[in-house]
């Protein structure tokens, strides 16, 4: 996260690159949510901004270089480079994004409009605007799901019908997500471990749910695949 004054140099560099060959990228959809996080290792609560885009580029997805999330009123912006974003496919669409855009200290995310600006290697850009709504409770006041492992299967409990398991390798990098909760089948630890080489030696996971009426998501963890216990 940096102040908007630093964007002047970015704009100048983009202007120079626009003279290069290539067609600009395309943003089909943007999803932005405040994410409340319960860290079970420290007992603390925090919040982050989660931003994901459905994108395409006539020159190929590998031509995309970075995206920026900008709040003009608060004079804030975040830059997410291609090496740092999460990339996944869903129903034939390519999603890129990040769930870890945070404010300094314990400041709360400003509500209002955020511009999401996508840039490719040649400086071509695409931009969409999303709105972060007012939230009824803080991260410390929110209700969180929980998980446990019994007989080699992950069980999710809590007040939410629909939840997801977000799975990370031993290096802490996100690998995949799986539906969980009351409407989903039990998740077998061995099945998840076999899904990717990055998970073969064990993994950690967090439990996610979206609180539609509250306008935010909740994320609890981390749990270890070897010894997750219910709270």
C-alpha atoms as a PDB file:
ATOM      1  CA  UNK A   1       0.000   0.000   0.000  1.00  0.00           C
ATOM      2  CA  UNK A   2       1.403   3.388  -1.011  1.00  0.00           C
ATOM      3  CA  UNK A   3       0.212   6.976  -1.330  1.00  0.00           C
ATOM      4  CA  UNK A   4      -1.196   8.203  -4.650  1.00  0.00           C
ATOM      5  CA  UNK A   5       1.661  10.641  -5.190  1.00  0.00           C
ATOM      6  CA  UNK A   6       3.795   7.677  -6.227  1.00  0.00           C
ATOM      7  CA  UNK A   7       1.421   6.971  -9.123  1.00  0.00           C
ATOM      8  CA  UNK A   8       2.903   9.831 -11.160  1.00  0.00           C
ATOM      9  CA  UNK A   9       5.999   7.803 -12.044  1.00  0.00           C
ATOM     10  CA  UNK A  10       3.831   4.800 -12.921  1.00  0.00           C
ATOM     11  CA  UNK A  11       1.716   6.889 -15.273  1.00  0.00           C
ATOM     12  CA  UNK A  12       4.836   8.257 -16.989  1.00  0.00           C
ATOM     13  CA  UNK A  13       6.266   4.778 -17.501  1.00  0.00           C
ATOM     14  CA  UNK A  14       2.957   3.567 -18.891  1.00  0.00           C
ATOM     15  CA  UNK A  15       2.846   6.448 -21.362  1.00  0.00           C
ATOM     16  CA  UNK A  16       6.258   5.491 -22.716  1.00  0.00           C
ATOM     17  CA  UNK A  17       5.324   1.830 -23.032  1.00  0.00           C
ATOM     18  CA  UNK A  18       2.050   2.550 -24.845  1.00  0.00           C
ATOM     19  CA  UNK A  19       4.049   3.179 -27.977  1.00  0.00           C
ATOM     20  CA  UNK A  20       5.004  -0.497 -28.061  1.00  0.00           C
ATOM     21  CA  UNK A  21       3.108  -3.164 -29.959  1.00  0.00           C
ATOM     22  CA  UNK A  22       0.294  -5.187 -28.438  1.00  0.00           C
ATOM     23  CA  UNK A  23      -3.389  -4.949 -27.657  1.00  0.00           C
ATOM     24  CA  UNK A  24      -4.711  -3.917 -24.222  1.00  0.00           C
ATOM     25  CA  UNK A  25      -5.996  -6.438 -21.677  1.00  0.00           C
ATOM     26  CA  UNK A  26      -9.662  -6.923 -20.808  1.00  0.00           C
ATOM     27  CA  UNK A  27     -11.394  -7.032 -17.419  1.00  0.00           C
ATOM     28  CA  UNK A  28     -14.710  -8.900 -17.613  1.00  0.00           C
ATOM     29  CA  UNK A  29     -15.580  -8.823 -13.921  1.00  0.00           C
ATOM     30  CA  UNK A  30     -14.195  -7.595 -10.604  1.00  0.00           C
ATOM     31  CA  UNK A  31     -15.033  -8.948  -7.164  1.00  0.00           C
ATOM     32  CA  UNK A  32     -13.869  -6.938  -4.144  1.00  0.00           C
ATOM     33  CA  UNK A  33     -14.676  -7.721  -0.506  1.00  0.00           C
ATOM     34  CA  UNK A  34     -13.480  -6.823   2.943  1.00  0.00           C
ATOM     35  CA  UNK A  35     -12.025  -9.968   4.490  1.00  0.00           C
ATOM     36  CA  UNK A  36     -12.063 -10.439   8.272  1.00  0.00           C
ATOM     37  CA  UNK A  37      -9.334 -12.785   9.488  1.00  0.00           C
ATOM     38  CA  UNK A  38      -9.140 -14.795  12.699  1.00  0.00           C
ATOM     39  CA  UNK A  39      -5.534 -15.903  13.249  1.00  0.00           C
ATOM     40  CA  UNK A  40      -5.682 -18.974  15.471  1.00  0.00           C
ATOM     41  CA  UNK A  41      -1.908 -18.993  15.992  1.00  0.00           C
ATOM     42  CA  UNK A  42      -1.951 -15.587  17.694  1.00  0.00           C
ATOM     43  CA  UNK A  43      -5.589 -15.190  18.769  1.00  0.00           C
ATOM     44  CA  UNK A  44      -5.750 -11.899  16.870  1.00  0.00           C
ATOM     45  CA  UNK A  45      -8.233 -10.411  14.414  1.00  0.00           C
ATOM     46  CA  UNK A  46      -7.464  -8.283  11.378  1.00  0.00           C
ATOM     47  CA  UNK A  47      -8.918  -7.273   8.051  1.00  0.00           C
ATOM     48  CA  UNK A  48      -7.697  -7.254   4.470  1.00  0.00           C
ATOM     49  CA  UNK A  49      -9.040  -6.329   1.064  1.00  0.00           C
ATOM     50  CA  UNK A  50      -9.735  -9.237  -1.280  1.00  0.00           C
ATOM     51  CA  UNK A  51      -9.797  -8.330  -4.990  1.00  0.00           C
ATOM     52  CA  UNK A  52     -10.218 -10.822  -7.846  1.00  0.00           C
ATOM     53  CA  UNK A  53     -10.616 -10.142 -11.569  1.00  0.00           C
ATOM     54  CA  UNK A  54     -11.799 -12.176 -14.534  1.00  0.00           C
ATOM     55  CA  UNK A  55      -9.239 -11.200 -17.178  1.00  0.00           C
ATOM     56  CA  UNK A  56      -8.085 -11.876 -20.708  1.00  0.00           C
ATOM     57  CA  UNK A  57      -5.416 -10.496 -23.016  1.00  0.00           C
ATOM     58  CA  UNK A  58      -5.190 -10.773 -26.825  1.00  0.00           C
ATOM     59  CA  UNK A  59      -1.447 -11.359 -26.422  1.00  0.00           C
ATOM     60  CA  UNK A  60      -1.939 -14.119 -23.820  1.00  0.00           C
ATOM     61  CA  UNK A  61      -2.442 -14.165 -20.067  1.00  0.00           C
ATOM     62  CA  UNK A  62       1.327 -14.322 -19.543  1.00  0.00           C
ATOM     63  CA  UNK A  63       1.486 -10.815 -21.025  1.00  0.00           C
ATOM     64  CA  UNK A  64      -0.224  -9.372 -17.929  1.00  0.00           C
ATOM     65  CA  UNK A  65       2.211  -7.720 -15.552  1.00  0.00           C
ATOM     66  CA  UNK A  66       0.349  -6.174 -12.601  1.00  0.00           C
ATOM     67  CA  UNK A  67      -2.858  -4.685 -11.333  1.00  0.00           C
ATOM     68  CA  UNK A  68      -3.436  -1.692  -9.087  1.00  0.00           C
ATOM     69  CA  UNK A  69      -6.222  -1.124  -6.563  1.00  0.00           C
ATOM     70  CA  UNK A  70      -6.752   2.597  -5.997  1.00  0.00           C
ATOM     71  CA  UNK A  71      -8.909   4.550  -3.552  1.00  0.00           C
ATOM     72  CA  UNK A  72      -8.733   8.153  -4.721  1.00  0.00           C
ATOM     73  CA  UNK A  73     -10.645   9.632  -1.776  1.00  0.00           C
ATOM     74  CA  UNK A  74      -8.334   8.026   0.797  1.00  0.00           C
ATOM     75  CA  UNK A  75      -5.232   8.562  -1.395  1.00  0.00           C
ATOM     76  CA  UNK A  76      -4.268   4.887  -1.172  1.00  0.00           C
ATOM     77  CA  UNK A  77      -3.169   2.277  -3.650  1.00  0.00           C
ATOM     78  CA  UNK A  78      -1.866  -1.255  -3.754  1.00  0.00           C
ATOM     79  CA  UNK A  79       0.154  -2.879  -6.537  1.00  0.00           C
ATOM     80  CA  UNK A  80      -0.067  -6.641  -7.123  1.00  0.00           C
ATOM     81  CA  UNK A  81       2.522  -8.013  -9.546  1.00  0.00           C
ATOM     82  CA  UNK A  82       1.951 -11.169 -11.575  1.00  0.00           C
ATOM     83  CA  UNK A  83       4.490 -13.075  -9.479  1.00  0.00           C
ATOM     84  CA  UNK A  84       2.433 -12.385  -6.339  1.00  0.00           C
ATOM     85  CA  UNK A  85      -1.154 -12.839  -7.429  1.00  0.00           C
ATOM     86  CA  UNK A  86      -3.303 -15.963  -7.154  1.00  0.00           C
ATOM     87  CA  UNK A  87      -4.362 -17.380 -10.519  1.00  0.00           C
ATOM     88  CA  UNK A  88      -7.123 -19.940 -11.042  1.00  0.00           C
ATOM     89  CA  UNK A  89      -9.576 -21.211 -13.635  1.00  0.00           C
ATOM     90  CA  UNK A  90     -13.322 -21.501 -13.016  1.00  0.00           C
ATOM     91  CA  UNK A  91     -15.885 -22.432 -15.669  1.00  0.00           C
ATOM     92  CA  UNK A  92     -13.469 -21.536 -18.440  1.00  0.00           C
ATOM     93  CA  UNK A  93     -12.619 -18.108 -17.024  1.00  0.00           C
ATOM     94  CA  UNK A  94      -9.223 -16.953 -15.762  1.00  0.00           C
ATOM     95  CA  UNK A  95      -9.272 -15.275 -12.359  1.00  0.00           C
ATOM     96  CA  UNK A  96      -6.351 -13.379 -10.853  1.00  0.00           C
ATOM     97  CA  UNK A  97      -6.237 -11.595  -7.540  1.00  0.00           C
ATOM     98  CA  UNK A  98      -5.097 -11.282  -3.958  1.00  0.00           C
ATOM     99  CA  UNK A  99      -6.711 -11.703  -0.538  1.00  0.00           C
ATOM    100  CA  UNK A 100      -3.995  -9.936   1.439  1.00  0.00           C
ATOM    101  CA  UNK A 101      -4.190  -6.208   0.641  1.00  0.00           C
ATOM    102  CA  UNK A 102      -3.965  -4.647   4.099  1.00  0.00           C
ATOM    103  CA  UNK A 103      -3.941  -1.223   5.689  1.00  0.00           C
ATOM    104  CA  UNK A 104      -1.033  -0.039   7.852  1.00  0.00           C
ATOM    105  CA  UNK A 105      -1.307  -0.906  11.531  1.00  0.00           C
ATOM    106  CA  UNK A 106      -4.840  -1.657  12.661  1.00  0.00           C
ATOM    107  CA  UNK A 107      -6.585   0.870  10.401  1.00  0.00           C
ATOM    108  CA  UNK A 108      -9.902  -0.225   8.920  1.00  0.00           C
ATOM    109  CA  UNK A 109     -10.419  -0.410   5.158  1.00  0.00           C
ATOM    110  CA  UNK A 110     -12.172   2.711   3.841  1.00  0.00           C
ATOM    111  CA  UNK A 111     -15.595   2.202   2.327  1.00  0.00           C
ATOM    112  CA  UNK A 112     -16.484   3.665  -1.064  1.00  0.00           C
ATOM    113  CA  UNK A 113     -15.173   3.335  -4.602  1.00  0.00           C
ATOM    114  CA  UNK A 114     -11.951   1.582  -5.622  1.00  0.00           C
ATOM    115  CA  UNK A 115     -10.492   1.655  -9.124  1.00  0.00           C
ATOM    116  CA  UNK A 116      -8.926  -1.607 -10.318  1.00  0.00           C
ATOM    117  CA  UNK A 117      -6.391  -0.977 -13.081  1.00  0.00           C
ATOM    118  CA  UNK A 118      -4.897  -3.928 -14.986  1.00  0.00           C
ATOM    119  CA  UNK A 119      -1.654  -3.485 -16.936  1.00  0.00           C
ATOM    120  CA  UNK A 120       0.171  -5.656 -19.456  1.00  0.00           C
ATOM    121  CA  UNK A 121       3.843  -5.805 -20.393  1.00  0.00           C
ATOM    122  CA  UNK A 122       3.457  -3.209 -23.139  1.00  0.00           C
ATOM    123  CA  UNK A 123       1.702  -0.730 -20.854  1.00  0.00           C
ATOM    124  CA  UNK A 124      -1.802  -1.405 -22.156  1.00  0.00           C
ATOM    125  CA  UNK A 125      -4.420  -1.001 -19.446  1.00  0.00           C
ATOM    126  CA  UNK A 126      -8.021  -1.812 -18.563  1.00  0.00           C
ATOM    127  CA  UNK A 127      -9.928  -0.371 -15.622  1.00  0.00           C
ATOM    128  CA  UNK A 128     -13.108  -1.067 -13.654  1.00  0.00           C
ATOM    129  CA  UNK A 129     -14.554   0.453 -10.467  1.00  0.00           C
ATOM    130  CA  UNK A 130     -15.911  -1.493  -7.492  1.00  0.00           C
ATOM    131  CA  UNK A 131     -17.542  -0.318  -4.272  1.00  0.00           C
ATOM    132  CA  UNK A 132     -16.742  -1.516  -0.772  1.00  0.00           C
ATOM    133  CA  UNK A 133     -19.926  -1.117   1.321  1.00  0.00           C
ATOM    134  CA  UNK A 134     -20.365  -0.099   4.930  1.00  0.00           C
ATOM    135  CA  UNK A 135     -19.930  -3.028   7.315  1.00  0.00           C
ATOM    136  CA  UNK A 136     -22.111  -3.674  10.325  1.00  0.00           C
ATOM    137  CA  UNK A 137     -19.497  -5.257  12.614  1.00  0.00           C
ATOM    138  CA  UNK A 138     -15.732  -5.248  13.061  1.00  0.00           C
ATOM    139  CA  UNK A 139     -13.341  -8.163  12.566  1.00  0.00           C
ATOM    140  CA  UNK A 140     -13.314  -8.864  16.303  1.00  0.00           C
ATOM    141  CA  UNK A 141     -17.124  -8.913  16.456  1.00  0.00           C
ATOM    142  CA  UNK A 142     -17.734 -11.209  13.481  1.00  0.00           C
ATOM    143  CA  UNK A 143     -18.657 -14.896  13.771  1.00  0.00           C
ATOM    144  CA  UNK A 144     -16.163 -17.353  12.285  1.00  0.00           C
ATOM    145  CA  UNK A 145     -16.384 -20.954  11.074  1.00  0.00           C
ATOM    146  CA  UNK A 146     -14.154 -23.645  12.595  1.00  0.00           C
ATOM    147  CA  UNK A 147     -12.662 -26.938  11.421  1.00  0.00           C
ATOM    148  CA  UNK A 148     -11.423 -30.245  12.770  1.00  0.00           C
ATOM    149  CA  UNK A 149      -9.982 -33.454  11.359  1.00  0.00           C
ATOM    150  CA  UNK A 150     -11.384 -36.818  12.396  1.00  0.00           C
ATOM    151  CA  UNK A 151     -10.712 -40.186  10.757  1.00  0.00           C
ATOM    152  CA  UNK A 152      -8.749 -38.458   8.005  1.00  0.00           C
ATOM    153  CA  UNK A 153     -11.562 -36.096   6.971  1.00  0.00           C
ATOM    154  CA  UNK A 154     -11.992 -32.342   7.477  1.00  0.00           C
ATOM    155  CA  UNK A 155     -15.220 -31.248   9.144  1.00  0.00           C
ATOM    156  CA  UNK A 156     -16.346 -27.603   9.176  1.00  0.00           C
ATOM    157  CA  UNK A 157     -18.700 -26.230  11.836  1.00  0.00           C
ATOM    158  CA  UNK A 158     -20.197 -22.832  12.509  1.00  0.00           C
ATOM    159  CA  UNK A 159     -23.150 -20.654  11.515  1.00  0.00           C
ATOM    160  CA  UNK A 160     -22.642 -20.735   7.733  1.00  0.00           C
ATOM    161  CA  UNK A 161     -24.311 -23.033   5.207  1.00  0.00           C
ATOM    162  CA  UNK A 162     -21.697 -22.500   2.496  1.00  0.00           C
ATOM    163  CA  UNK A 163     -17.990 -22.472   3.298  1.00  0.00           C
ATOM    164  CA  UNK A 164     -14.727 -23.151   1.507  1.00  0.00           C
ATOM    165  CA  UNK A 165     -11.391 -24.632   2.507  1.00  0.00           C
ATOM    166  CA  UNK A 166      -8.457 -22.554   1.253  1.00  0.00           C
ATOM    167  CA  UNK A 167      -5.396 -24.797   1.066  1.00  0.00           C
ATOM    168  CA  UNK A 168      -1.752 -23.683   1.278  1.00  0.00           C
ATOM    169  CA  UNK A 169       1.535 -25.512   0.780  1.00  0.00           C
ATOM    170  CA  UNK A 170       4.240 -25.729   3.419  1.00  0.00           C
ATOM    171  CA  UNK A 171       5.749 -22.550   1.952  1.00  0.00           C
ATOM    172  CA  UNK A 172       2.549 -20.649   2.708  1.00  0.00           C
ATOM    173  CA  UNK A 173       1.523 -20.185  -0.928  1.00  0.00           C
ATOM    174  CA  UNK A 174      -2.121 -20.671  -1.839  1.00  0.00           C
ATOM    175  CA  UNK A 175      -2.729 -23.806  -3.917  1.00  0.00           C
ATOM    176  CA  UNK A 176      -6.459 -24.514  -4.198  1.00  0.00           C
ATOM    177  CA  UNK A 177      -9.905 -24.176  -2.628  1.00  0.00           C
ATOM    178  CA  UNK A 178     -12.621 -26.755  -2.000  1.00  0.00           C
ATOM    179  CA  UNK A 179     -16.310 -26.439  -1.086  1.00  0.00           C
ATOM    180  CA  UNK A 180     -17.005 -27.448   2.503  1.00  0.00           C
ATOM    181  CA  UNK A 181     -19.616 -27.021   5.190  1.00  0.00           C
ATOM    182  CA  UNK A 182     -23.147 -28.274   5.694  1.00  0.00           C
ATOM    183  CA  UNK A 183     -24.005 -28.677   2.008  1.00  0.00           C
ATOM    184  CA  UNK A 184     -20.728 -30.298   0.931  1.00  0.00           C
ATOM    185  CA  UNK A 185     -19.257 -33.756   1.328  1.00  0.00           C
ATOM    186  CA  UNK A 186     -16.494 -34.368   3.860  1.00  0.00           C
ATOM    187  CA  UNK A 187     -13.043 -33.534   2.537  1.00  0.00           C
ATOM    188  CA  UNK A 188     -10.516 -36.329   2.731  1.00  0.00           C
ATOM    189  CA  UNK A 189      -7.013 -35.191   3.756  1.00  0.00           C
ATOM    190  CA  UNK A 190      -5.357 -37.821   1.539  1.00  0.00           C
ATOM    191  CA  UNK A 191      -7.402 -36.620  -1.447  1.00  0.00           C
ATOM    192  CA  UNK A 192      -6.228 -33.036  -0.947  1.00  0.00           C
ATOM    193  CA  UNK A 193      -2.607 -34.126  -0.397  1.00  0.00           C
ATOM    194  CA  UNK A 194      -2.648 -36.018  -3.703  1.00  0.00           C
ATOM    195  CA  UNK A 195      -4.105 -33.103  -5.649  1.00  0.00           C
ATOM    196  CA  UNK A 196      -0.793 -31.247  -5.993  1.00  0.00           C
ATOM    197  CA  UNK A 197       2.917 -31.957  -5.410  1.00  0.00           C
ATOM    198  CA  UNK A 198       2.979 -28.810  -3.265  1.00  0.00           C
ATOM    199  CA  UNK A 199       0.630 -30.508  -0.789  1.00  0.00           C
ATOM    200  CA  UNK A 200       2.164 -33.980  -0.712  1.00  0.00           C
ATOM    201  CA  UNK A 201       4.255 -33.332   2.410  1.00  0.00           C
ATOM    202  CA  UNK A 202       1.371 -31.798   4.332  1.00  0.00           C
ATOM    203  CA  UNK A 203      -0.484 -28.523   4.132  1.00  0.00           C
ATOM    204  CA  UNK A 204      -2.265 -25.846   6.095  1.00  0.00           C
ATOM    205  CA  UNK A 205      -5.757 -24.584   5.431  1.00  0.00           C
ATOM    206  CA  UNK A 206      -8.187 -21.851   6.390  1.00  0.00           C
ATOM    207  CA  UNK A 207     -11.978 -21.832   6.393  1.00  0.00           C
ATOM    208  CA  UNK A 208     -13.770 -19.112   4.431  1.00  0.00           C
ATOM    209  CA  UNK A 209     -17.383 -17.941   4.360  1.00  0.00           C
ATOM    210  CA  UNK A 210     -19.088 -14.899   2.871  1.00  0.00           C
ATOM    211  CA  UNK A 211     -21.498 -12.973   5.098  1.00  0.00           C
ATOM    212  CA  UNK A 212     -23.839 -11.541   2.483  1.00  0.00           C
ATOM    213  CA  UNK A 213     -25.901  -9.384   4.837  1.00  0.00           C
ATOM    214  CA  UNK A 214     -22.757  -8.007   6.440  1.00  0.00           C
ATOM    215  CA  UNK A 215     -20.948  -7.292   3.173  1.00  0.00           C
ATOM    216  CA  UNK A 216     -17.717  -9.036   4.186  1.00  0.00           C
ATOM    217  CA  UNK A 217     -15.978 -12.423   4.163  1.00  0.00           C
ATOM    218  CA  UNK A 218     -14.564 -14.286   7.179  1.00  0.00           C
ATOM    219  CA  UNK A 219     -11.443 -16.449   7.159  1.00  0.00           C
ATOM    220  CA  UNK A 220     -10.309 -18.622  10.097  1.00  0.00           C
ATOM    221  CA  UNK A 221      -7.041 -20.510  10.497  1.00  0.00           C
ATOM    222  CA  UNK A 222      -4.453 -21.692   9.920  1.00  0.00           C
ATOM    223  CA  UNK A 223      -5.121 -25.361  10.592  1.00  0.00           C
ATOM    224  CA  UNK A 224      -2.483 -28.032   9.989  1.00  0.00           C
ATOM    225  CA  UNK A 225      -3.464 -31.053   7.923  1.00  0.00           C
ATOM    226  CA  UNK A 226      -1.758 -33.294  10.479  1.00  0.00           C
ATOM    227  CA  UNK A 227      -3.444 -32.094  13.659  1.00  0.00           C
ATOM    228  CA  UNK A 228      -6.388 -29.725  13.129  1.00  0.00           C
ATOM    229  CA  UNK A 229      -8.591 -29.518  16.216  1.00  0.00           C
ATOM    230  CA  UNK A 230     -12.008 -27.964  16.725  1.00  0.00           C
ATOM    231  CA  UNK A 231     -12.361 -24.948  19.003  1.00  0.00           C
END
